[in-house]
Protein backbone atom coordinates (compact mmCIF):
# COMPACT_ATOMS: atom_id res chain seq x y z
CA MET A 1 -18.32 -4.90 39.87
CA GLN A 2 -19.75 -7.76 37.77
CA LEU A 3 -17.53 -9.40 35.16
CA LEU A 4 -18.50 -8.46 31.60
CA ASP A 5 -18.28 -12.05 30.35
CA ARG A 6 -16.62 -15.31 31.30
CA ASP A 7 -13.64 -14.79 28.95
CA ILE A 8 -12.77 -11.28 30.14
CA ALA A 9 -10.05 -12.44 32.53
CA GLU A 10 -7.99 -13.71 29.60
CA CYS A 11 -8.13 -10.34 27.81
CA ARG A 12 -5.26 -7.93 27.26
CA ALA A 13 -6.27 -4.26 27.12
CA LEU A 14 -4.42 -1.11 26.10
CA VAL A 15 -5.50 2.32 27.39
CA VAL A 16 -4.19 5.33 25.43
CA ASP A 17 -4.86 8.77 26.90
CA GLY A 18 -2.67 11.83 27.32
CA ASN A 19 -4.39 12.76 30.59
CA PRO A 20 -2.90 10.67 33.45
CA THR A 21 -6.05 10.93 35.57
CA SER A 22 -8.38 9.89 32.76
CA ARG A 23 -6.01 7.10 31.79
CA SER A 24 -5.87 5.80 35.35
CA ILE A 25 -9.67 5.83 35.69
CA LEU A 26 -10.14 3.85 32.46
CA ALA A 27 -7.50 1.31 33.47
CA SER A 28 -9.05 0.91 36.91
CA GLN A 29 -12.53 0.37 35.46
CA LEU A 30 -11.22 -2.27 33.07
CA ARG A 31 -9.59 -4.14 35.93
CA GLU A 32 -12.84 -3.97 37.90
CA PHE A 33 -14.63 -5.51 34.91
CA GLY A 34 -12.20 -8.42 35.23
CA VAL A 35 -9.77 -7.65 32.38
CA GLY A 36 -6.67 -9.71 33.10
CA THR A 37 -3.89 -7.43 31.78
CA VAL A 38 -4.12 -3.65 31.31
CA THR A 39 -1.29 -1.65 29.69
CA GLN A 40 -1.24 2.16 29.59
CA CYS A 41 0.23 4.73 27.17
CA GLY A 42 0.23 8.51 27.33
CA ARG A 43 1.26 9.06 23.68
CA ILE A 44 -0.44 7.75 20.59
CA HIS A 45 2.81 6.92 18.81
CA ASP A 46 3.86 4.83 21.82
CA ALA A 47 0.51 3.06 21.47
CA ARG A 48 1.30 2.29 17.85
CA LYS A 49 4.55 0.61 18.90
CA GLN A 50 2.69 -1.44 21.53
CA LEU A 51 0.07 -2.56 19.01
CA GLU A 52 2.70 -3.47 16.44
CA ALA A 53 4.62 -5.51 19.00
CA ARG A 54 1.84 -7.65 20.47
CA PRO A 55 -1.90 -8.38 20.12
CA PHE A 56 -4.51 -6.77 22.36
CA ASP A 57 -8.13 -7.80 22.79
CA VAL A 58 -9.37 -4.33 23.77
CA VAL A 59 -8.06 -0.85 22.95
CA LEU A 60 -9.46 2.32 24.54
CA CYS A 61 -7.92 5.32 22.78
CA GLU A 62 -8.44 9.05 23.24
CA HIS A 63 -9.50 10.60 19.93
CA ARG A 64 -7.25 13.68 19.93
CA PHE A 65 -3.93 14.42 21.61
CA ASP A 66 -1.94 17.55 22.43
CA GLY A 67 1.66 18.42 21.67
CA GLU A 68 3.64 16.43 19.11
CA ASP A 69 0.80 13.91 18.75
CA SER A 70 -1.78 16.60 17.90
CA SER A 71 -1.81 15.83 14.17
CA TYR A 72 -2.48 12.12 14.65
CA THR A 73 -5.88 10.91 15.87
CA ALA A 74 -7.19 7.59 17.08
CA GLN A 75 -8.86 7.17 13.68
CA ASN A 76 -5.50 7.70 11.93
CA LEU A 77 -3.89 5.12 14.18
CA LEU A 78 -6.59 2.56 13.49
CA ASP A 79 -6.52 3.20 9.74
CA ASP A 80 -2.76 2.71 9.61
CA LEU A 81 -2.89 -0.48 11.67
CA ARG A 82 -5.70 -1.95 9.58
CA ARG A 83 -4.06 -0.89 6.33
CA ASN A 84 -0.88 -2.70 7.25
CA ASN A 85 -2.46 -5.89 8.61
CA LEU A 86 -1.30 -5.12 12.14
CA LEU A 87 -4.61 -5.41 13.98
CA PRO A 88 -6.81 -8.52 14.06
CA PHE A 89 -10.53 -8.26 13.44
CA SER A 90 -11.06 -9.71 16.90
CA THR A 91 -9.60 -6.61 18.62
CA VAL A 92 -12.22 -4.28 20.07
CA PHE A 93 -11.17 -0.66 19.35
CA ILE A 94 -13.14 2.03 21.22
CA VAL A 95 -12.46 5.75 20.80
CA VAL A 96 -12.79 7.92 23.90
CA THR A 97 -13.73 11.52 23.12
CA GLY A 98 -15.20 14.71 24.51
CA GLU A 99 -16.75 15.52 21.11
CA ALA A 100 -20.50 14.98 20.92
CA SER A 101 -20.90 16.65 17.52
CA TYR A 102 -22.81 15.29 14.54
CA THR A 103 -19.47 14.90 12.72
CA MET A 104 -18.11 12.69 15.47
CA VAL A 105 -21.21 10.49 15.46
CA ALA A 106 -21.12 10.25 11.65
CA ASP A 107 -17.43 9.37 11.74
CA ALA A 108 -18.15 6.63 14.26
CA ALA A 109 -20.77 5.11 11.97
CA GLU A 110 -18.42 5.22 8.97
CA SER A 111 -15.09 4.35 10.52
CA ALA A 112 -13.35 1.14 11.41
CA PHE A 113 -13.54 1.53 15.18
CA ASP A 114 -16.11 -0.48 17.10
CA SER A 115 -17.65 2.22 19.28
CA TYR A 116 -17.00 5.56 20.93
CA LEU A 117 -17.27 6.65 24.54
CA LEU A 118 -18.17 10.24 25.43
CA LYS A 119 -16.36 12.02 28.27
CA PRO A 120 -17.20 12.34 31.09
CA HIS A 121 -18.28 8.72 31.17
CA THR A 122 -19.50 6.29 33.80
CA ALA A 123 -18.30 2.76 34.37
CA THR A 124 -21.74 1.60 33.25
CA ALA A 125 -21.37 3.38 29.90
CA LEU A 126 -17.96 1.82 29.34
CA GLY A 127 -19.28 -1.60 30.26
CA GLU A 128 -22.15 -1.25 27.79
CA ARG A 129 -19.80 -0.25 24.96
CA LEU A 130 -17.47 -3.13 25.67
CA THR A 131 -20.30 -5.63 25.94
CA GLN A 132 -21.85 -4.52 22.64
CA ALA A 133 -18.53 -4.53 20.80
CA ARG A 134 -17.48 -7.93 22.12
CA LYS A 135 -20.91 -9.31 21.25
CA ARG A 136 -20.48 -8.19 17.63
CA LYS A 137 -17.06 -9.82 17.48
CA LYS A 138 -18.55 -13.08 18.75
CA VAL A 139 -21.60 -12.99 16.47
CA LEU A 140 -19.34 -12.44 13.44
CA GLY A 141 -16.66 -14.74 14.82
CA GLU A 142 -17.28 -17.45 12.24
CA ILE A 143 -16.59 -14.93 9.46
CA PHE A 144 -13.43 -13.68 11.13
CA SER A 145 -12.19 -17.24 11.70
CA ALA A 146 -12.70 -18.07 8.03
CA ILE A 147 -10.73 -14.96 7.04
CA GLU A 148 -7.92 -15.76 9.49
CA SER A 149 -7.62 -19.23 7.92
CA GLN A 150 -7.83 -17.60 4.44
CA ASP A 151 -10.98 -19.57 3.57
CA TYR A 152 -12.37 -16.60 1.65
CA ASP A 153 -15.08 -18.61 -0.12
CA GLN A 154 -16.63 -19.60 3.20
CA ALA A 155 -16.24 -16.10 4.65
CA THR A 156 -17.93 -14.62 1.58
CA ARG A 157 -20.86 -17.03 1.79
CA LEU A 158 -21.37 -16.18 5.46
CA CYS A 159 -21.27 -12.44 4.75
CA LEU A 160 -23.72 -12.64 1.85
CA GLN A 161 -26.06 -14.87 3.83
CA ARG A 162 -26.11 -12.43 6.75
CA PHE A 163 -26.73 -9.51 4.37
CA ALA A 164 -29.54 -11.31 2.53
CA THR A 165 -31.33 -12.29 5.73
CA ARG A 166 -30.60 -8.95 7.43
CA GLY A 167 -29.06 -10.84 10.30
CA ALA A 168 -27.39 -9.07 13.20
CA TYR A 169 -24.67 -6.65 12.01
CA TRP A 170 -25.62 -7.22 8.37
CA LEU A 171 -24.18 -3.90 7.17
CA TYR A 172 -20.83 -4.67 8.74
CA ALA A 173 -20.93 -8.13 7.14
CA ALA A 174 -21.74 -6.53 3.78
CA ARG A 175 -18.70 -4.32 4.12
CA ILE A 176 -16.47 -7.31 4.69
CA GLY A 177 -18.22 -9.26 1.94
CA SER A 178 -17.64 -6.56 -0.67
CA GLU A 179 -13.90 -6.68 0.01
CA LEU A 180 -13.84 -10.47 -0.10
CA LEU A 181 -15.56 -10.43 -3.49
CA LEU A 182 -12.97 -8.01 -4.82
CA ARG A 183 -10.21 -10.21 -3.44
CA GLN A 184 -11.60 -13.15 -5.39
CA GLY A 185 -11.91 -11.22 -8.65
CA ARG A 186 -15.72 -11.11 -8.46
CA HIS A 187 -15.79 -7.40 -9.25
CA ASP A 188 -19.30 -7.17 -10.63
CA GLU A 189 -20.76 -8.95 -7.59
CA SER A 190 -18.86 -6.62 -5.28
CA ARG A 191 -20.20 -3.58 -7.10
CA LYS A 192 -23.78 -4.88 -6.97
CA LEU A 193 -23.47 -5.59 -3.25
CA CYS A 194 -22.25 -2.02 -2.60
CA GLU A 195 -25.09 -0.66 -4.73
CA ALA A 196 -27.57 -2.70 -2.69
CA VAL A 197 -26.08 -1.24 0.48
CA LEU A 198 -26.41 2.28 -0.91
CA GLU A 199 -30.13 1.72 -1.35
CA THR A 200 -30.33 1.53 2.45
CA GLY A 201 -28.40 4.80 2.94
CA ALA A 202 -25.61 6.89 1.34
CA LEU A 203 -22.67 5.23 3.11
CA PRO A 204 -19.28 6.52 1.91
CA TRP A 205 -17.59 3.15 2.27
CA ALA A 206 -20.13 1.60 -0.13
CA ARG A 207 -19.47 4.30 -2.72
CA LEU A 208 -15.75 3.72 -2.31
CA GLY A 209 -16.38 0.00 -2.80
CA ILE A 210 -18.15 0.72 -6.09
CA ALA A 211 -15.17 2.79 -7.26
CA ARG A 212 -12.75 -0.02 -6.40
CA ALA A 213 -14.91 -2.55 -8.24
CA GLN A 214 -14.92 -0.26 -11.27
CA ILE A 215 -11.12 -0.06 -11.14
CA GLU A 216 -10.76 -3.83 -10.96
CA SER A 217 -13.20 -4.14 -13.89
CA ASN A 218 -10.91 -1.83 -15.93
CA GLN A 219 -13.28 1.15 -15.83
CA PRO A 220 -10.93 3.87 -14.52
CA VAL A 221 -12.89 6.79 -15.98
CA MET A 222 -16.09 5.67 -14.23
CA ALA A 223 -14.12 5.06 -11.04
CA LEU A 224 -12.73 8.59 -11.11
CA ARG A 225 -16.24 10.00 -11.52
CA THR A 226 -17.43 7.96 -8.55
CA LEU A 227 -14.48 9.11 -6.46
CA GLU A 228 -14.88 12.76 -7.43
CA SER A 229 -18.52 12.62 -6.40
CA LEU A 230 -17.65 10.90 -3.13
CA ILE A 231 -14.94 13.42 -2.27
CA GLY A 232 -17.26 16.28 -3.23
CA ASP A 233 -19.81 15.04 -0.69
CA HIS A 234 -17.28 13.86 1.91
CA PRO A 235 -14.06 15.89 1.49
CA THR A 236 -12.47 14.36 4.60
CA HIS A 237 -13.01 10.72 3.56
CA VAL A 238 -9.29 10.08 3.25
CA ASP A 239 -9.51 6.53 1.88
CA ALA A 240 -11.07 7.98 -1.26
CA TYR A 241 -7.94 10.04 -1.88
CA ASP A 242 -5.80 6.90 -1.58
CA VAL A 243 -7.84 5.14 -4.24
CA MET A 244 -8.01 8.20 -6.49
CA GLY A 245 -4.23 8.63 -6.31
CA ARG A 246 -3.76 5.03 -7.35
CA VAL A 247 -5.98 5.50 -10.43
CA GLN A 248 -4.28 8.75 -11.40
CA VAL A 249 -0.84 7.15 -11.18
CA GLU A 250 -1.95 4.22 -13.33
CA GLN A 251 -3.43 6.65 -15.86
CA GLY A 252 -0.16 8.57 -16.03
CA SER A 253 -1.67 11.73 -14.48
CA LEU A 254 1.17 12.10 -12.01
CA GLY A 255 0.68 15.81 -11.36
CA GLU A 256 -2.95 15.22 -10.40
CA ALA A 257 -1.93 12.21 -8.30
CA LEU A 258 0.60 14.32 -6.42
CA ASP A 259 -2.10 16.89 -5.61
CA THR A 260 -4.31 14.05 -4.38
CA TYR A 261 -1.59 12.63 -2.14
CA ARG A 262 -0.88 16.12 -0.82
CA ARG A 263 -4.51 16.43 0.28
CA ALA A 264 -4.44 12.97 1.88
CA SER A 265 -1.26 13.65 3.85
CA SER A 266 -2.52 17.08 4.93
CA LEU A 267 -5.68 15.46 6.31
CA THR A 268 -3.63 12.84 8.19
CA PRO A 269 -0.19 14.42 8.80
CA GLY A 270 0.73 11.68 11.24
CA SER A 271 0.16 8.83 8.77
CA ILE A 272 3.50 7.22 7.95
CA THR A 273 2.09 5.50 4.87
CA ARG A 274 0.56 8.62 3.32
CA LEU A 275 3.62 10.75 4.05
CA GLN A 276 5.73 8.18 2.22
CA LYS A 277 3.45 8.03 -0.81
CA HIS A 278 3.40 11.82 -0.98
CA GLY A 279 7.18 12.02 -0.65
CA MET A 280 7.88 9.26 -3.16
CA LEU A 281 5.66 10.72 -5.86
CA ALA A 282 7.09 14.21 -5.27
CA PHE A 283 10.53 12.66 -5.89
CA TYR A 284 9.47 11.20 -9.25
CA MET A 285 7.81 14.48 -10.18
CA GLY A 286 11.11 16.27 -9.66
CA ASP A 287 10.28 18.21 -6.49
CA ARG A 288 13.13 16.85 -4.42
CA ASP A 289 12.74 19.45 -1.65
CA GLU A 290 9.07 18.58 -1.05
CA SER A 291 9.97 14.91 -1.27
CA ALA A 292 12.70 15.22 1.34
CA LYS A 293 10.40 17.13 3.69
CA MET A 294 7.70 14.43 3.60
CA LEU A 295 10.13 11.51 3.81
CA GLU A 296 12.07 13.13 6.65
CA ARG A 297 8.84 13.45 8.62
CA ALA A 298 7.89 9.83 7.86
CA ALA A 299 11.30 8.67 9.07
CA ALA A 300 11.20 10.87 12.17
CA ILE A 301 7.89 9.47 13.40
CA GLY A 302 8.06 5.96 12.01
CA ILE A 303 11.48 4.54 11.21
CA SER A 304 11.02 1.91 13.93
CA SER A 305 7.49 1.09 12.77
CA LYS A 306 6.50 -1.93 10.73
CA MET A 307 4.65 0.56 8.52
CA PHE A 308 7.90 2.23 7.46
CA ASP A 309 9.19 1.40 4.00
CA PHE A 310 12.96 1.63 3.69
CA GLN A 311 12.61 2.87 0.13
CA SER A 312 12.06 6.22 1.84
CA LEU A 313 15.67 6.16 3.05
CA VAL A 314 16.90 5.47 -0.48
CA LEU A 315 15.11 8.55 -1.81
CA LEU A 316 16.33 10.56 1.17
CA GLY A 317 19.81 9.39 0.20
CA PHE A 318 19.35 11.06 -3.20
CA ALA A 319 18.38 14.29 -1.44
CA ARG A 320 21.36 14.12 0.92
CA PHE A 321 23.71 13.59 -2.04
CA HIS A 322 22.18 16.54 -3.88
CA GLN A 323 22.61 18.66 -0.74
CA LYS A 324 26.18 17.33 -0.28
CA ASP A 325 25.14 16.37 3.25
CA SER A 326 27.69 13.66 4.02
CA LYS A 327 26.52 13.13 7.61
CA GLY A 328 22.87 12.81 6.59
CA LEU A 329 23.82 10.41 3.81
CA GLN A 330 25.90 8.34 6.21
CA ARG A 331 22.89 8.05 8.56
CA CYS A 332 20.72 6.80 5.68
CA LEU A 333 23.36 4.23 4.78
CA GLU A 334 23.81 3.03 8.37
CA ASN A 335 20.05 2.64 8.87
CA LEU A 336 19.77 0.65 5.65
CA GLN A 337 22.74 -1.54 6.55
CA HIS A 338 21.18 -2.22 9.93
CA ALA A 339 17.89 -3.22 8.27
CA ALA A 340 19.71 -5.46 5.78
CA GLU A 341 21.62 -7.19 8.58
CA LYS A 342 18.31 -8.14 10.17
CA VAL A 343 17.07 -9.72 6.93
CA PRO A 344 20.22 -10.93 5.12
CA GLN A 345 18.20 -12.82 2.49
CA SER A 346 16.44 -9.68 1.26
CA ARG A 347 17.73 -8.80 -2.19
CA ARG A 348 15.63 -5.65 -2.07
CA LEU A 349 17.39 -4.28 1.01
CA GLN A 350 20.77 -5.26 -0.43
CA ARG A 351 20.02 -3.14 -3.50
CA PHE A 352 18.99 -0.24 -1.27
CA VAL A 353 22.33 -0.39 0.55
CA SER A 354 24.26 -0.52 -2.73
CA VAL A 355 22.48 2.50 -4.21
CA VAL A 356 23.10 4.72 -1.17
CA LYS A 357 26.64 3.37 -0.83
CA VAL A 358 27.40 4.69 -4.35
CA PHE A 359 26.42 8.22 -3.32
CA ASN A 360 28.47 7.94 -0.17
CA LEU A 361 31.51 6.95 -2.23
CA MET A 362 30.84 9.83 -4.63
CA LEU A 363 30.96 12.37 -1.83
CA GLN A 364 34.23 10.80 -0.73
CA LYS A 365 35.50 11.19 -4.33
CA GLN A 366 36.26 7.46 -4.62
CA VAL A 367 35.45 7.32 -8.33
CA ALA A 368 36.97 3.92 -9.03
CA ALA A 369 34.94 2.36 -6.22
CA VAL A 370 31.82 4.10 -7.54
CA VAL A 371 32.32 2.65 -11.03
CA ALA A 372 32.85 -0.85 -9.63
CA GLU A 373 29.74 -0.63 -7.42
CA VAL A 374 27.55 0.68 -10.26
CA ARG A 375 28.71 -2.01 -12.66
CA GLU A 376 27.83 -4.64 -10.07
CA LEU A 377 24.37 -3.13 -9.63
CA PHE A 378 23.74 -3.22 -13.37
CA ALA A 379 25.43 -6.59 -13.92
CA ASP A 380 22.23 -8.58 -14.39
CA LEU A 381 19.28 -6.53 -15.55
CA LYS A 382 17.54 -9.79 -16.49
CA GLU A 383 17.35 -10.89 -12.87
CA PRO A 384 13.80 -12.28 -12.37
CA GLY A 385 13.36 -10.47 -9.04
CA LEU A 386 14.02 -7.04 -10.51
CA ASP A 387 10.89 -4.89 -10.22
CA ILE A 388 9.77 -1.37 -11.07
CA GLU A 389 10.95 0.04 -7.77
CA ALA A 390 14.45 -1.32 -8.45
CA ALA A 391 14.31 -0.02 -12.04
CA CYS A 392 13.37 3.47 -10.81
CA ASN A 393 16.21 3.47 -8.28
CA LEU A 394 18.74 2.31 -10.87
CA LEU A 395 17.59 4.91 -13.40
CA ALA A 396 17.63 7.67 -10.78
CA LEU A 397 21.14 6.65 -9.70
CA LEU A 398 22.54 6.44 -13.22
CA SER A 399 20.92 9.73 -14.23
CA GLN A 400 22.24 11.52 -11.15
CA LEU A 401 25.77 10.26 -11.78
CA THR A 402 25.65 11.09 -15.48
CA ALA A 403 24.35 14.59 -14.70
CA ALA A 404 27.37 14.91 -12.38
CA GLU A 405 29.55 14.14 -15.43
CA LEU A 406 30.36 10.55 -14.55
CA ARG A 407 29.35 8.84 -17.80
CA LEU A 408 29.81 5.07 -17.75
CA ASP A 409 30.27 2.91 -20.83
CA GLY A 410 27.15 0.85 -21.44
CA SER A 411 24.78 3.27 -19.71
CA ASP A 412 22.65 3.78 -22.84
CA ALA A 413 22.17 0.02 -23.15
CA TRP A 414 21.25 -0.22 -19.46
CA VAL A 415 18.61 2.46 -19.79
CA ASP A 416 17.26 0.86 -22.95
CA GLY A 417 17.01 -2.53 -21.25
CA LEU A 418 15.16 -1.14 -18.22
CA GLY A 419 12.82 0.88 -20.42
CA LEU A 420 11.91 -2.04 -22.67
CA ARG A 421 11.34 -4.32 -19.68
CA PHE A 422 9.20 -2.03 -17.55
CA ALA A 423 7.69 0.77 -19.68
CA SER A 424 4.43 -1.11 -20.26
CA THR A 425 1.89 1.59 -19.41
CA LYS A 426 1.79 5.36 -19.54
CA GLY A 427 1.75 5.61 -15.75
CA VAL A 428 4.78 3.38 -15.19
CA THR A 429 6.63 5.02 -18.08
CA GLU A 430 6.20 8.44 -16.51
CA LEU A 431 7.44 7.14 -13.14
CA LEU A 432 10.53 5.71 -14.84
CA ALA A 433 11.06 8.89 -16.84
CA GLY A 434 10.65 10.93 -13.66
CA ALA A 435 13.36 8.86 -12.01
CA ALA A 436 15.64 9.51 -15.01
CA ALA A 437 14.82 13.25 -15.13
CA PRO A 438 18.23 14.50 -13.83
CA TYR A 439 19.63 13.48 -17.24
CA PRO A 440 16.90 14.27 -19.80
CA PRO A 441 18.29 12.06 -22.63
CA PHE A 442 17.71 9.01 -20.39
CA ALA A 443 14.14 10.11 -19.66
CA GLN A 444 13.54 10.35 -23.41
CA GLN A 445 15.03 6.89 -23.92
CA VAL A 446 12.49 5.50 -21.47
CA ARG A 447 9.59 7.15 -23.33
CA ASP A 448 10.98 5.89 -26.65
CA ALA A 449 11.08 2.37 -25.17
CA HIS A 450 7.39 2.65 -24.30
CA THR A 451 6.65 3.66 -27.89
CA ARG A 452 8.53 0.59 -29.15
CA ILE A 453 6.65 -1.74 -26.79
CA THR A 454 3.37 -0.24 -28.02
CA GLU A 455 4.44 -0.87 -31.62
CA MET A 456 5.25 -4.50 -30.80
CA ALA A 457 1.81 -4.92 -29.25
CA GLU A 458 0.13 -3.29 -32.25
CA GLU A 459 2.00 -5.61 -34.60
CA ALA A 460 0.51 -8.60 -32.80
CA VAL A 461 -2.98 -7.07 -32.90
CA THR A 462 -2.64 -6.66 -36.67
CA HIS A 463 -1.76 -10.36 -37.05
CA THR A 464 -4.79 -11.27 -34.94
CA LEU A 465 -7.15 -9.12 -37.01
CA GLN A 466 -5.85 -10.87 -40.12
CA GLY A 467 -6.56 -14.26 -38.56
CA LYS A 468 -2.85 -15.05 -38.20
CA HIS A 469 -3.12 -16.10 -34.58
CA ARG A 470 0.03 -18.19 -34.49
CA ASN A 471 2.05 -15.35 -35.98
CA ALA A 472 0.65 -13.01 -33.33
CA VAL A 473 1.67 -15.31 -30.48
CA GLU A 474 5.09 -16.07 -31.96
CA SER A 475 5.77 -12.37 -32.45
CA LEU A 476 4.74 -11.54 -28.88
CA LEU A 477 6.81 -14.34 -27.40
CA ALA A 478 9.87 -13.40 -29.46
CA HIS A 479 9.66 -9.79 -28.30
CA ALA A 480 8.91 -10.92 -24.73
CA GLU A 481 11.97 -13.18 -24.65
CA ARG A 482 14.13 -10.24 -25.70
CA THR A 483 12.58 -7.48 -23.59
CA LEU A 484 11.11 -9.45 -20.63
CA ASN A 485 8.17 -7.04 -20.80
CA ALA A 486 5.20 -8.19 -18.70
CA LYS A 487 2.63 -6.59 -21.03
CA LEU A 488 3.86 -8.61 -24.02
CA ILE A 489 3.98 -11.80 -21.94
CA ASP A 490 0.38 -11.35 -20.80
CA MET A 491 -0.80 -10.47 -24.32
CA ALA A 492 0.69 -13.75 -25.59
CA ARG A 493 -1.10 -15.70 -22.85
CA MET A 494 -4.41 -13.96 -23.57
CA SER A 495 -4.09 -14.68 -27.29
CA LEU A 496 -3.50 -18.34 -26.55
CA GLN A 497 -6.48 -18.48 -24.20
CA ARG A 498 -8.78 -16.96 -26.82
CA HIS A 499 -7.46 -18.54 -30.00
CA GLY A 500 -5.58 -21.63 -28.80
CA ASP A 501 -8.02 -23.95 -30.57
CA LYS A 502 -6.85 -22.47 -33.89
CA ILE A 503 -3.11 -22.97 -33.20
CA ALA A 504 -1.67 -26.45 -33.74
CA ASP A 505 1.11 -26.28 -31.13
CA ALA A 506 -0.74 -24.04 -28.69
CA GLN A 507 0.24 -26.20 -25.72
CA THR A 508 3.97 -25.74 -26.40
CA LEU A 509 3.56 -22.00 -26.86
CA SER A 510 1.48 -21.81 -23.66
CA ALA A 511 4.23 -23.51 -21.70
CA GLN A 512 6.72 -20.96 -23.05
CA ALA A 513 4.44 -18.05 -22.12
CA ASP A 514 3.72 -19.45 -18.64
CA SER A 515 7.43 -19.92 -18.00
CA LEU A 516 8.11 -16.29 -18.94
CA ARG A 517 5.26 -15.05 -16.79
CA GLU A 518 6.35 -17.07 -13.78
CA ARG A 519 9.85 -15.60 -13.97
CA PHE A 520 9.32 -12.05 -15.13
CA ALA A 521 5.72 -10.81 -15.08
CA ILE A 522 6.02 -8.92 -11.80
CA GLY A 523 2.98 -6.77 -11.01
CA VAL A 524 3.41 -3.14 -11.96
CA GLY A 525 0.65 -1.51 -9.89
CA GLY A 526 2.40 1.02 -7.67
CA ALA A 527 5.62 -0.65 -6.62
CA ALA A 528 7.66 2.52 -6.86
CA LEU A 529 5.20 4.22 -4.49
CA GLY A 530 5.22 1.52 -1.85
CA GLN A 531 2.24 -0.46 -3.17
CA SER A 532 3.76 -3.68 -4.41
CA ASN A 533 2.54 -5.87 -1.57
CA GLY A 534 -0.74 -6.61 -3.29
CA ARG A 535 -2.83 -4.54 -0.89
CA GLN A 536 -4.76 -1.86 -2.67
CA PRO A 537 -5.68 1.62 -1.41
CA GLY A 538 -9.05 1.59 0.33
CA ALA A 539 -8.80 -2.15 0.88
CA LEU A 540 -10.04 -3.99 3.95
CA ASN A 541 -7.47 -5.75 6.09
CA LEU A 542 -7.99 -9.50 5.55
CA ARG A 543 -5.10 -10.63 7.74
CA ASP A 544 -3.06 -12.43 5.10
CA ALA A 545 0.02 -14.29 6.22
CA PRO A 546 2.76 -11.72 6.93
CA ALA A 547 4.80 -10.60 3.96
CA ALA A 548 8.34 -11.86 3.74
CA SER A 549 10.77 -9.53 5.44
CA GLY A 550 12.30 -7.08 3.06
CA ALA A 551 9.40 -7.38 0.65
CA ALA A 552 7.98 -4.23 -0.81
CA PRO A 553 6.22 -3.24 1.40
CA PRO A 554 6.78 -3.89 4.18
CA ALA A 555 10.53 -3.80 4.03
CA GLY A 556 10.24 -3.63 7.64
CA GLY A 557 7.65 -2.53 6.30
CA THR A 558 4.91 -0.44 4.83
CA SER A 559 1.63 0.20 3.45
CA PRO A 560 -1.57 -0.36 1.07
CA GLU A 561 -3.55 0.30 2.23
CA ALA A 562 -6.52 1.99 3.81
CA SER A 563 -9.02 0.16 5.94
CA THR A 564 -12.71 0.10 5.20
CA ALA A 565 -13.51 -2.36 7.96
C-alpha cells in the first residue's frame, strides 16, 4: 500500500476501540500506510492515560463504548484533553463510528475532532480521511506554530487574513482567531468576527464565541440571553453550559449555576472536570451528599489523571468527617500527602494536607493537636498567595469545627479578615458564605464584610463625584492596605488612570497601588470551583506553557475549560 506522505514513518498513532478485531484491522491499516509506531487501547479511559503521558500524531477512536466506559464518548475525551491543554493542535483526531445519522454528521461539523470514519470502512476511506486531516494541519501549520511559540499577534493576523480571503479552512481559522482575540482582550473584534461567521451559517461555536465576548466586555445579562438561546436551539451543546455556569456563579445565582452544572455533568457523566465542578458547587450550596457522590465518581475515574484537581479530595474529606468515616478520611489524607510529596514546593497542596489532617485528628479525639494545627493554618491570613479557594477551605474548616463545639479564640477575627479580603462580589461572597454555612453566624459575618467593602467603594465614588480625586484614591488605598481587598486595589488603580493628571503625587500613589496589586490582587473568577488557572469555560486550547505543579488547577491537575477548536 502506498505511503500517505513522506513524513508518515515518523508518526505515532493510537487506536482506541473496544472491539479487538476492529482495533486490529485499524492498526494493521495504519502500519500499511507507513505509520512508524501504532499503540492500541481497548478502553477509552486507558486511552486518556496514554494521551496524557505522551504525544501522538494520529488518534483513531471509536465514538461509543460498552460497559464501564459507556458514559464517556470520543467527543468527551477530546473535549477534556483540549480543555486541559493536553493535546497539541498538530494531533489528528478521527472518530470511528457506526452512526450515519444527521446528528452525527452535525456533531462532526461542530466538534473539535478532525474527521469521522463510518463503519464498516475500507482502507481507502481511512487513507482519504487521514490525508485530508493531515493536509489541514499542514496548511494551518504556520498558525499552530505561532500559537505554540505564544506569538498570538502573529497567529491572529494569519487567522484574520485567511478568513478575509476565504482561504482554505477559513472557518476553522476564524474559530481559532476568535479565541485569540479574546485572549488579547480584543473582545469587540472577537464578537464581530463571530457575527461575521454566523452570517455564513448558524454555527453553535460562533454563538458561544459571541457570548464569551459579551462576558469579557462586562455584559453578563446579554451573554446569558445569548447562551439561553443557544441552549434552546442546541440543548446538547455542553460547552454552553460551562460558560453559563461561570456567568451564574459570578452573578451570585448559585442555585441556577448548580442546575446548569448538573445538566452538563449528566450530558457528559465521564467528564472528570464537569463532575468536579458539579460536586464543588453542590458542596458550597450545602448539599454535601450530592457533592460527595460527584466527587467520589471524579476520583474513581480520574485520580491519576492530570485533569484531576486535588481540591476534590479536600471536599471529600469534609464529607468523610461528617460521616465519621475514619478509613475514608485516612485515604483522602494519604492521597493528598502523596501528591504533596511529589511537589514539595506547592503551598496549595500543603494547605490541603493540613485541612484534612485536622479532621483526621478530630476523629482521633486529639483536641490539643487540632487546636495547634488550626492556629498554624490561620497564622498568616495576609499571606500574598492566599486565594479564594484557600479562604473557602479555611472558612469551611473553622465553621465545621465550631459547629462541633470546638470554638477557638480569635475565630471571629479570622472570619472577619477573610471576609474583608475576599468578599468583593456577590458571587464570591455567596461561595464564601456557603463554605461557612455549618455555623450560620460565620456566614453572616462574611455577608456583613461584603456590605462593608461596598460601603468603602461607595465612599470613594462620592469623593470622585465631588471632584476630590486625591481623597478618593487615598481612601481606597487606606482601606486596601487594611483589608487587602482586590476590588478596592483595582478601584484605586482605575481612579489614578482616569484622574491622575489632577493629582499632584499621582506617581507615588500609583506605585503604592501597583505594589498592592502585585502582592494581593489574585483573580477571583472561579478559583473555588477549579477555574483559577486562567482558562475560561468554552475556551480554545492555546497550548500555554504548562501550569506550575500544584497550581489551581491543575494541582496535578484540572480543568477550564471546554474546547471550541
